[in-house]
Amino acid sequence: MTVVPPPADRRRRSIISPLALGQDANLPPNASEMVLADEQGRRLVLVELRVARGADPASVRRDFLALFADVFPGPDTPPEPTPVARHYMRCVLSADEMTRLVQGGEPPTTASTERALQLIYRILPDLVIHAHLDRSVTTINADAAARTFGCSGAGMVWAVLDSGIDAT
C-alpha cells in the first residue's frame, strides 16, 4: 500500500460533503432532487481516492476495496464500489455508512481512521445532471467537427465555442 499522509493542519470541516450527508440546513431548496437515494436511505456518492504523485491508481483502488470489505463485512453490506475514473469510486452509502467508512470501521480506532484517511480524500454526491447540448451541438457544427477530425472526445478535452455574436 502506498502511504500518503493527510495534509497537516489543514482546516476543513469534513471530508464528507454536507450535500452527500443531506444534513446541511444551508443547502439549496432543490438539492435533494440532484442526489439519488434508494429506499434504505443510501445515496449515490463518489469517493475521491488519495492518489499520490507516482502512485499506482490500481493499487490504491485495491487498497480501498480491501478497506471497504473490512468496514462492511456483514450481510447488510452496501453494493460493491465501482471505479468510474482514475481516482474515483462510485458507492451507494447511507450517511452512517459514509461516516463508518471514513472512520475505518465500527468502533473506530486511531489506526483504522488513519488507514481510511490515507486512502480517502473526500466523499462527494454523484449528482444528477441534465445535458444542455442536445440541440446546440448540431447548430454550431460540433458533430461535423467530430466526424471530420475522427474525434469522439474520448481521452481528451476539446471544445467548440460559438460566441453568438453576429459580425454583420
N, C-alpha and C. Protein backbone atom coordinates (compact mmCIF):
# COMPACT_ATOMS: atom_id res chain seq x y z
N MET A 1 0.84 -1.18 0.00
CA MET A 1 0.00 0.00 0.00
C MET A 1 0.88 1.23 0.00
N THR A 2 0.56 2.19 -0.85
CA THR A 2 1.27 3.45 -0.90
C THR A 2 0.69 4.36 0.17
N VAL A 3 1.51 4.75 1.12
CA VAL A 3 1.04 5.56 2.24
C VAL A 3 1.20 7.03 1.91
N VAL A 4 0.09 7.75 1.98
CA VAL A 4 0.09 9.18 1.76
C VAL A 4 -0.53 9.82 2.99
N PRO A 5 0.28 10.51 3.79
CA PRO A 5 -0.30 11.11 4.98
C PRO A 5 -1.25 12.25 4.62
N PRO A 6 -2.33 12.42 5.36
CA PRO A 6 -3.20 13.55 5.12
C PRO A 6 -2.44 14.84 5.41
N PRO A 7 -2.78 15.93 4.72
CA PRO A 7 -2.08 17.19 4.96
C PRO A 7 -2.21 17.61 6.42
N ALA A 8 -1.12 18.10 6.98
CA ALA A 8 -1.11 18.51 8.38
C ALA A 8 -1.73 19.90 8.53
N ASP A 9 -2.50 20.07 9.59
CA ASP A 9 -3.07 21.36 9.96
C ASP A 9 -3.92 22.03 8.89
N ARG A 10 -4.52 21.28 8.02
CA ARG A 10 -5.45 21.88 7.06
C ARG A 10 -6.81 21.98 7.72
N ARG A 11 -7.39 23.14 7.66
CA ARG A 11 -8.71 23.36 8.25
C ARG A 11 -9.79 23.00 7.23
N ARG A 12 -10.49 21.93 7.51
CA ARG A 12 -11.57 21.50 6.65
C ARG A 12 -12.65 20.91 7.53
N ARG A 13 -13.90 21.32 7.31
CA ARG A 13 -14.99 20.84 8.17
C ARG A 13 -15.07 19.32 8.19
N SER A 14 -15.13 18.73 7.02
CA SER A 14 -15.27 17.28 6.94
C SER A 14 -14.85 16.84 5.55
N ILE A 15 -14.40 15.61 5.44
CA ILE A 15 -14.09 15.11 4.11
C ILE A 15 -15.35 14.58 3.43
N ILE A 16 -16.45 14.54 4.16
CA ILE A 16 -17.73 14.14 3.59
C ILE A 16 -18.53 15.40 3.29
N SER A 17 -18.93 15.57 2.05
CA SER A 17 -19.71 16.74 1.64
C SER A 17 -21.03 16.79 2.39
N PRO A 18 -21.43 17.98 2.87
CA PRO A 18 -22.74 18.11 3.52
C PRO A 18 -23.89 17.69 2.60
N LEU A 19 -23.73 17.91 1.31
CA LEU A 19 -24.77 17.51 0.36
C LEU A 19 -24.88 15.99 0.28
N ALA A 20 -23.74 15.29 0.38
CA ALA A 20 -23.76 13.83 0.39
C ALA A 20 -24.46 13.31 1.64
N LEU A 21 -24.21 13.97 2.77
CA LEU A 21 -24.86 13.58 4.02
C LEU A 21 -26.32 13.99 4.07
N GLY A 22 -26.67 15.05 3.34
CA GLY A 22 -28.05 15.53 3.34
C GLY A 22 -28.45 16.16 4.65
N GLN A 23 -27.48 16.73 5.38
CA GLN A 23 -27.79 17.25 6.72
C GLN A 23 -27.51 18.73 6.88
N ASP A 24 -27.21 19.45 5.83
CA ASP A 24 -26.87 20.86 5.95
C ASP A 24 -28.12 21.71 5.70
N ALA A 25 -28.46 22.56 6.65
CA ALA A 25 -29.64 23.42 6.52
C ALA A 25 -29.44 24.50 5.47
N ASN A 26 -28.20 24.76 5.07
CA ASN A 26 -27.91 25.81 4.09
C ASN A 26 -27.95 25.32 2.65
N LEU A 27 -28.40 24.10 2.43
CA LEU A 27 -28.45 23.56 1.08
C LEU A 27 -29.54 24.25 0.27
N PRO A 28 -29.34 24.38 -1.04
CA PRO A 28 -30.39 24.97 -1.88
C PRO A 28 -31.67 24.13 -1.81
N PRO A 29 -32.83 24.75 -2.07
CA PRO A 29 -34.10 24.03 -1.94
C PRO A 29 -34.22 22.80 -2.84
N ASN A 30 -33.64 22.83 -4.02
CA ASN A 30 -33.77 21.70 -4.95
C ASN A 30 -32.62 20.71 -4.85
N ALA A 31 -31.78 20.82 -3.83
CA ALA A 31 -30.60 19.96 -3.71
C ALA A 31 -30.98 18.48 -3.60
N SER A 32 -32.07 18.18 -2.92
CA SER A 32 -32.45 16.78 -2.74
C SER A 32 -32.82 16.12 -4.07
N GLU A 33 -33.26 16.91 -5.05
CA GLU A 33 -33.60 16.36 -6.36
C GLU A 33 -32.36 15.96 -7.16
N MET A 34 -31.22 16.51 -6.80
CA MET A 34 -29.98 16.25 -7.53
C MET A 34 -29.23 15.03 -7.01
N VAL A 35 -29.63 14.52 -5.85
CA VAL A 35 -28.95 13.38 -5.24
C VAL A 35 -29.87 12.17 -5.27
N LEU A 36 -29.42 11.09 -5.89
CA LEU A 36 -30.22 9.88 -5.95
C LEU A 36 -30.09 9.10 -4.65
N ALA A 37 -31.22 8.64 -4.13
CA ALA A 37 -31.22 7.83 -2.91
C ALA A 37 -32.17 6.66 -3.10
N ASP A 38 -31.86 5.53 -2.45
CA ASP A 38 -32.74 4.37 -2.54
C ASP A 38 -33.67 4.32 -1.33
N GLU A 39 -34.48 3.27 -1.26
CA GLU A 39 -35.46 3.15 -0.18
C GLU A 39 -34.83 2.94 1.19
N GLN A 40 -33.56 2.54 1.23
CA GLN A 40 -32.86 2.35 2.50
C GLN A 40 -32.12 3.61 2.94
N GLY A 41 -32.26 4.70 2.19
CA GLY A 41 -31.60 5.95 2.55
C GLY A 41 -30.16 6.03 2.06
N ARG A 42 -29.76 5.08 1.24
CA ARG A 42 -28.40 5.11 0.68
C ARG A 42 -28.37 6.05 -0.52
N ARG A 43 -27.31 6.84 -0.59
CA ARG A 43 -27.16 7.82 -1.66
C ARG A 43 -26.03 7.42 -2.59
N LEU A 44 -26.14 7.83 -3.84
CA LEU A 44 -25.09 7.62 -4.82
C LEU A 44 -24.00 8.66 -4.56
N VAL A 45 -22.79 8.21 -4.22
CA VAL A 45 -21.69 9.14 -3.92
C VAL A 45 -20.43 8.74 -4.69
N LEU A 46 -19.54 9.71 -4.82
CA LEU A 46 -18.23 9.47 -5.40
C LEU A 46 -17.20 9.59 -4.30
N VAL A 47 -16.38 8.57 -4.16
CA VAL A 47 -15.28 8.60 -3.20
C VAL A 47 -14.03 8.95 -3.99
N GLU A 48 -13.46 10.12 -3.69
CA GLU A 48 -12.22 10.53 -4.34
C GLU A 48 -11.06 9.93 -3.56
N LEU A 49 -10.29 9.09 -4.24
CA LEU A 49 -9.18 8.42 -3.58
C LEU A 49 -7.97 9.34 -3.51
N ARG A 50 -7.16 9.15 -2.49
CA ARG A 50 -5.94 9.93 -2.29
C ARG A 50 -4.81 9.22 -3.04
N VAL A 51 -4.60 9.63 -4.29
CA VAL A 51 -3.56 9.01 -5.12
C VAL A 51 -2.38 9.96 -5.18
N ALA A 52 -1.28 9.57 -4.58
CA ALA A 52 -0.08 10.41 -4.56
C ALA A 52 0.59 10.42 -5.92
N ARG A 53 1.38 11.45 -6.16
CA ARG A 53 2.14 11.51 -7.41
C ARG A 53 3.05 10.28 -7.48
N GLY A 54 2.97 9.60 -8.60
CA GLY A 54 3.79 8.41 -8.80
C GLY A 54 3.18 7.12 -8.28
N ALA A 55 2.07 7.23 -7.54
CA ALA A 55 1.42 6.03 -7.01
C ALA A 55 0.63 5.34 -8.11
N ASP A 56 0.48 4.05 -7.98
CA ASP A 56 -0.29 3.26 -8.94
C ASP A 56 -1.77 3.34 -8.56
N PRO A 57 -2.61 3.98 -9.38
CA PRO A 57 -4.03 4.10 -9.04
C PRO A 57 -4.72 2.75 -8.82
N ALA A 58 -4.32 1.74 -9.58
CA ALA A 58 -4.92 0.41 -9.41
C ALA A 58 -4.62 -0.15 -8.03
N SER A 59 -3.42 0.09 -7.53
CA SER A 59 -3.04 -0.37 -6.20
C SER A 59 -3.85 0.36 -5.12
N VAL A 60 -4.01 1.66 -5.28
CA VAL A 60 -4.80 2.44 -4.32
C VAL A 60 -6.25 1.96 -4.35
N ARG A 61 -6.77 1.67 -5.54
CA ARG A 61 -8.13 1.16 -5.68
C ARG A 61 -8.28 -0.18 -4.95
N ARG A 62 -7.30 -1.08 -5.13
CA ARG A 62 -7.34 -2.38 -4.44
C ARG A 62 -7.33 -2.19 -2.92
N ASP A 63 -6.49 -1.27 -2.45
CA ASP A 63 -6.44 -1.00 -1.01
C ASP A 63 -7.77 -0.45 -0.50
N PHE A 64 -8.40 0.41 -1.31
CA PHE A 64 -9.71 0.95 -0.92
C PHE A 64 -10.75 -0.17 -0.86
N LEU A 65 -10.75 -1.05 -1.85
CA LEU A 65 -11.71 -2.16 -1.85
C LEU A 65 -11.50 -3.08 -0.65
N ALA A 66 -10.23 -3.26 -0.25
CA ALA A 66 -9.95 -4.06 0.95
C ALA A 66 -10.49 -3.35 2.19
N LEU A 67 -10.29 -2.04 2.27
CA LEU A 67 -10.84 -1.26 3.39
C LEU A 67 -12.37 -1.38 3.41
N PHE A 68 -13.00 -1.24 2.25
CA PHE A 68 -14.45 -1.33 2.14
C PHE A 68 -14.94 -2.69 2.65
N ALA A 69 -14.26 -3.75 2.24
CA ALA A 69 -14.64 -5.11 2.68
C ALA A 69 -14.46 -5.27 4.18
N ASP A 70 -13.42 -4.66 4.75
CA ASP A 70 -13.18 -4.75 6.19
C ASP A 70 -14.23 -3.96 6.99
N VAL A 71 -14.64 -2.81 6.46
CA VAL A 71 -15.60 -1.96 7.17
C VAL A 71 -17.02 -2.52 7.09
N PHE A 72 -17.35 -3.16 5.96
CA PHE A 72 -18.70 -3.68 5.74
C PHE A 72 -18.68 -5.19 5.49
N PRO A 73 -18.42 -6.00 6.55
CA PRO A 73 -18.30 -7.44 6.34
C PRO A 73 -19.62 -8.21 6.42
N GLY A 74 -20.66 -7.61 6.98
CA GLY A 74 -21.89 -8.34 7.29
C GLY A 74 -22.82 -8.56 6.12
N PRO A 75 -23.99 -9.13 6.42
CA PRO A 75 -24.97 -9.45 5.37
C PRO A 75 -25.64 -8.21 4.77
N ASP A 76 -25.71 -7.11 5.51
CA ASP A 76 -26.36 -5.89 5.02
C ASP A 76 -25.32 -4.94 4.42
N THR A 77 -24.41 -5.52 3.65
CA THR A 77 -23.32 -4.76 3.05
C THR A 77 -23.83 -3.89 1.92
N PRO A 78 -23.34 -2.64 1.82
CA PRO A 78 -23.70 -1.81 0.67
C PRO A 78 -23.19 -2.45 -0.63
N PRO A 79 -23.74 -2.06 -1.77
CA PRO A 79 -23.26 -2.60 -3.04
C PRO A 79 -21.77 -2.34 -3.24
N GLU A 80 -21.13 -3.21 -3.98
CA GLU A 80 -19.70 -3.11 -4.26
C GLU A 80 -19.38 -1.79 -4.98
N PRO A 81 -18.33 -1.08 -4.56
CA PRO A 81 -17.93 0.16 -5.24
C PRO A 81 -17.53 -0.12 -6.70
N THR A 82 -17.77 0.87 -7.55
CA THR A 82 -17.46 0.76 -8.97
C THR A 82 -16.46 1.85 -9.35
N PRO A 83 -15.35 1.49 -9.99
CA PRO A 83 -14.43 2.55 -10.43
C PRO A 83 -15.05 3.33 -11.59
N VAL A 84 -14.98 4.66 -11.51
CA VAL A 84 -15.53 5.49 -12.58
C VAL A 84 -14.48 6.38 -13.23
N ALA A 85 -13.33 6.49 -12.63
CA ALA A 85 -12.22 7.27 -13.19
C ALA A 85 -10.95 6.82 -12.48
N ARG A 86 -9.85 7.44 -12.85
CA ARG A 86 -8.55 7.06 -12.31
C ARG A 86 -8.53 7.04 -10.79
N HIS A 87 -9.17 8.01 -10.16
CA HIS A 87 -9.13 8.06 -8.70
C HIS A 87 -10.50 8.32 -8.07
N TYR A 88 -11.56 7.86 -8.74
CA TYR A 88 -12.91 7.97 -8.19
C TYR A 88 -13.58 6.60 -8.17
N MET A 89 -14.29 6.34 -7.07
CA MET A 89 -15.08 5.12 -6.93
C MET A 89 -16.53 5.55 -6.66
N ARG A 90 -17.47 4.96 -7.38
CA ARG A 90 -18.88 5.24 -7.13
C ARG A 90 -19.38 4.24 -6.10
N CYS A 91 -20.00 4.75 -5.04
CA CYS A 91 -20.53 3.91 -3.97
C CYS A 91 -21.98 4.30 -3.70
N VAL A 92 -22.71 3.40 -3.10
CA VAL A 92 -24.08 3.66 -2.67
C VAL A 92 -24.08 3.47 -1.15
N LEU A 93 -24.09 4.60 -0.41
CA LEU A 93 -23.92 4.56 1.04
C LEU A 93 -24.91 5.47 1.74
N SER A 94 -25.30 5.07 2.95
CA SER A 94 -26.10 5.95 3.80
C SER A 94 -25.15 6.91 4.52
N ALA A 95 -25.69 7.90 5.18
CA ALA A 95 -24.86 8.86 5.92
C ALA A 95 -24.03 8.14 6.99
N ASP A 96 -24.65 7.20 7.71
CA ASP A 96 -23.92 6.45 8.74
C ASP A 96 -22.81 5.60 8.12
N GLU A 97 -23.08 5.01 6.96
CA GLU A 97 -22.06 4.18 6.29
C GLU A 97 -20.90 5.03 5.79
N MET A 98 -21.18 6.25 5.32
CA MET A 98 -20.10 7.15 4.90
C MET A 98 -19.19 7.47 6.08
N THR A 99 -19.81 7.78 7.21
CA THR A 99 -19.05 8.10 8.42
C THR A 99 -18.23 6.89 8.87
N ARG A 100 -18.85 5.72 8.85
CA ARG A 100 -18.15 4.50 9.26
C ARG A 100 -16.97 4.21 8.34
N LEU A 101 -17.14 4.45 7.03
CA LEU A 101 -16.06 4.22 6.07
C LEU A 101 -14.89 5.16 6.34
N VAL A 102 -15.17 6.43 6.59
CA VAL A 102 -14.10 7.41 6.86
C VAL A 102 -13.40 7.10 8.18
N GLN A 103 -14.12 6.53 9.14
CA GLN A 103 -13.52 6.16 10.42
C GLN A 103 -12.79 4.83 10.35
N GLY A 104 -12.96 4.11 9.26
CA GLY A 104 -12.26 2.84 9.09
C GLY A 104 -12.92 1.67 9.78
N GLY A 105 -14.14 1.82 10.23
CA GLY A 105 -14.85 0.71 10.86
C GLY A 105 -15.60 1.14 12.10
N GLU A 106 -16.23 0.16 12.71
CA GLU A 106 -17.04 0.38 13.90
C GLU A 106 -16.61 -0.61 14.96
N PRO A 107 -16.13 -0.24 16.11
CA PRO A 107 -15.85 1.13 16.55
C PRO A 107 -14.55 1.64 15.92
N PRO A 108 -14.44 2.96 15.72
CA PRO A 108 -13.23 3.49 15.10
C PRO A 108 -12.05 3.45 16.07
N THR A 109 -10.89 3.17 15.52
CA THR A 109 -9.65 3.25 16.28
C THR A 109 -8.74 4.24 15.57
N THR A 110 -7.69 4.65 16.22
CA THR A 110 -6.75 5.58 15.60
C THR A 110 -6.15 4.97 14.35
N ALA A 111 -5.77 3.70 14.42
CA ALA A 111 -5.15 3.02 13.28
C ALA A 111 -6.14 2.86 12.12
N SER A 112 -7.39 2.50 12.43
CA SER A 112 -8.36 2.30 11.35
C SER A 112 -8.72 3.63 10.68
N THR A 113 -8.81 4.69 11.46
CA THR A 113 -9.11 6.01 10.89
C THR A 113 -7.95 6.50 10.04
N GLU A 114 -6.73 6.30 10.51
CA GLU A 114 -5.55 6.70 9.71
C GLU A 114 -5.51 5.93 8.40
N ARG A 115 -5.81 4.64 8.46
CA ARG A 115 -5.83 3.82 7.24
C ARG A 115 -6.84 4.38 6.24
N ALA A 116 -8.04 4.71 6.73
CA ALA A 116 -9.08 5.24 5.85
C ALA A 116 -8.68 6.60 5.28
N LEU A 117 -8.12 7.47 6.11
CA LEU A 117 -7.76 8.81 5.65
C LEU A 117 -6.55 8.80 4.72
N GLN A 118 -5.76 7.74 4.74
CA GLN A 118 -4.66 7.61 3.79
C GLN A 118 -5.18 7.23 2.40
N LEU A 119 -6.39 6.70 2.35
CA LEU A 119 -6.97 6.25 1.08
C LEU A 119 -8.06 7.17 0.54
N ILE A 120 -8.79 7.83 1.43
CA ILE A 120 -9.94 8.65 1.02
C ILE A 120 -9.60 10.12 1.14
N TYR A 121 -9.73 10.85 0.02
CA TYR A 121 -9.52 12.29 0.05
C TYR A 121 -10.81 13.01 0.43
N ARG A 122 -11.92 12.63 -0.22
CA ARG A 122 -13.21 13.19 0.14
C ARG A 122 -14.34 12.35 -0.46
N ILE A 123 -15.53 12.57 0.06
CA ILE A 123 -16.73 11.89 -0.43
C ILE A 123 -17.71 12.97 -0.89
N LEU A 124 -18.11 12.87 -2.15
CA LEU A 124 -18.98 13.86 -2.77
C LEU A 124 -20.24 13.19 -3.30
N PRO A 125 -21.35 13.91 -3.40
CA PRO A 125 -22.53 13.30 -4.01
C PRO A 125 -22.31 13.12 -5.51
N ASP A 126 -22.84 12.05 -6.07
CA ASP A 126 -22.81 11.84 -7.51
C ASP A 126 -24.11 12.44 -8.04
N LEU A 127 -24.04 13.71 -8.40
CA LEU A 127 -25.22 14.49 -8.72
C LEU A 127 -25.84 14.10 -10.05
N VAL A 128 -27.14 14.21 -10.12
CA VAL A 128 -27.88 14.01 -11.36
C VAL A 128 -27.81 15.34 -12.11
N ILE A 129 -27.30 15.28 -13.33
CA ILE A 129 -27.22 16.50 -14.13
C ILE A 129 -27.95 16.28 -15.44
N HIS A 130 -28.31 17.35 -16.07
CA HIS A 130 -29.03 17.28 -17.33
C HIS A 130 -28.20 17.98 -18.40
N ALA A 131 -27.94 17.28 -19.50
CA ALA A 131 -27.16 17.85 -20.60
C ALA A 131 -27.97 18.94 -21.29
N HIS A 132 -27.27 19.97 -21.71
CA HIS A 132 -27.92 21.08 -22.39
C HIS A 132 -27.38 21.25 -23.81
N LEU A 133 -26.68 20.25 -24.33
CA LEU A 133 -26.07 20.37 -25.64
C LEU A 133 -26.85 19.66 -26.74
N ASP A 134 -27.95 19.04 -26.41
CA ASP A 134 -28.63 18.20 -27.41
C ASP A 134 -29.02 18.96 -28.68
N ARG A 135 -29.39 20.22 -28.59
CA ARG A 135 -29.76 20.99 -29.79
C ARG A 135 -28.60 21.80 -30.33
N SER A 136 -27.79 22.36 -29.45
CA SER A 136 -26.76 23.29 -29.91
C SER A 136 -25.58 22.59 -30.58
N VAL A 137 -25.38 21.30 -30.35
CA VAL A 137 -24.26 20.60 -30.97
C VAL A 137 -24.36 20.67 -32.49
N THR A 138 -25.54 20.42 -33.03
CA THR A 138 -25.73 20.50 -34.48
C THR A 138 -25.69 21.94 -34.97
N THR A 139 -26.26 22.84 -34.21
CA THR A 139 -26.31 24.25 -34.59
C THR A 139 -24.91 24.82 -34.81
N ILE A 140 -23.98 24.48 -33.96
CA ILE A 140 -22.62 25.04 -34.08
C ILE A 140 -21.68 24.11 -34.84
N ASN A 141 -22.23 23.07 -35.43
CA ASN A 141 -21.47 22.12 -36.25
C ASN A 141 -20.41 21.34 -35.48
N ALA A 142 -20.61 21.14 -34.19
CA ALA A 142 -19.67 20.33 -33.42
C ALA A 142 -19.70 18.88 -33.86
N ASP A 143 -20.88 18.38 -34.27
CA ASP A 143 -20.96 17.00 -34.74
C ASP A 143 -20.19 16.83 -36.04
N ALA A 144 -20.21 17.84 -36.92
CA ALA A 144 -19.43 17.79 -38.16
C ALA A 144 -17.94 17.81 -37.86
N ALA A 145 -17.54 18.60 -36.88
CA ALA A 145 -16.13 18.65 -36.50
C ALA A 145 -15.68 17.29 -35.97
N ALA A 146 -16.54 16.62 -35.21
CA ALA A 146 -16.20 15.30 -34.68
C ALA A 146 -16.03 14.30 -35.81
N ARG A 147 -16.92 14.34 -36.81
CA ARG A 147 -16.80 13.42 -37.95
C ARG A 147 -15.56 13.74 -38.79
N THR A 148 -15.31 15.02 -39.05
CA THR A 148 -14.20 15.44 -39.90
C THR A 148 -12.86 15.04 -39.30
N PHE A 149 -12.69 15.28 -38.01
CA PHE A 149 -11.41 15.01 -37.38
C PHE A 149 -11.34 13.63 -36.75
N GLY A 150 -12.41 12.85 -36.85
CA GLY A 150 -12.42 11.49 -36.30
C GLY A 150 -12.21 11.48 -34.81
N CYS A 151 -12.75 12.45 -34.13
CA CYS A 151 -12.51 12.59 -32.70
C CYS A 151 -13.83 12.48 -31.94
N SER A 152 -13.91 11.55 -31.02
CA SER A 152 -15.11 11.41 -30.20
C SER A 152 -14.97 12.13 -28.88
N GLY A 153 -13.76 12.59 -28.59
CA GLY A 153 -13.52 13.25 -27.31
C GLY A 153 -13.03 12.31 -26.24
N ALA A 154 -13.01 11.00 -26.52
CA ALA A 154 -12.55 10.03 -25.52
C ALA A 154 -11.07 10.24 -25.27
N GLY A 155 -10.72 10.46 -24.04
CA GLY A 155 -9.32 10.59 -23.66
C GLY A 155 -8.75 11.98 -23.86
N MET A 156 -9.55 12.94 -24.30
CA MET A 156 -9.04 14.30 -24.47
C MET A 156 -10.15 15.29 -24.19
N VAL A 157 -9.73 16.52 -24.02
CA VAL A 157 -10.68 17.59 -23.79
C VAL A 157 -10.60 18.53 -24.98
N TRP A 158 -11.74 18.81 -25.58
CA TRP A 158 -11.78 19.76 -26.68
C TRP A 158 -13.13 20.44 -26.67
N ALA A 159 -13.21 21.59 -27.31
CA ALA A 159 -14.46 22.34 -27.28
C ALA A 159 -14.64 23.13 -28.56
N VAL A 160 -15.87 23.40 -28.87
CA VAL A 160 -16.23 24.30 -29.96
C VAL A 160 -16.99 25.44 -29.31
N LEU A 161 -16.55 26.67 -29.55
CA LEU A 161 -17.16 27.82 -28.90
C LEU A 161 -17.87 28.68 -29.93
N ASP A 162 -19.12 28.97 -29.68
CA ASP A 162 -19.88 29.89 -30.51
C ASP A 162 -20.29 31.04 -29.62
N SER A 163 -19.72 32.22 -29.87
CA SER A 163 -19.99 33.37 -29.01
C SER A 163 -21.40 33.91 -29.19
N GLY A 164 -22.02 33.59 -30.33
CA GLY A 164 -23.36 34.10 -30.57
C GLY A 164 -23.38 35.51 -31.13
N ILE A 165 -22.21 36.07 -31.38
CA ILE A 165 -22.11 37.43 -31.90
C ILE A 165 -22.18 37.39 -33.42
N ASP A 166 -23.08 38.15 -33.97
CA ASP A 166 -23.24 38.22 -35.42
C ASP A 166 -22.37 39.36 -35.93
N ALA A 167 -21.43 39.06 -36.81
CA ALA A 167 -20.48 40.05 -37.31
C ALA A 167 -21.09 41.00 -38.32
N THR A 168 -22.28 40.73 -38.85
CA THR A 168 -22.85 41.61 -39.89
C THR A 168 -23.57 42.80 -39.31
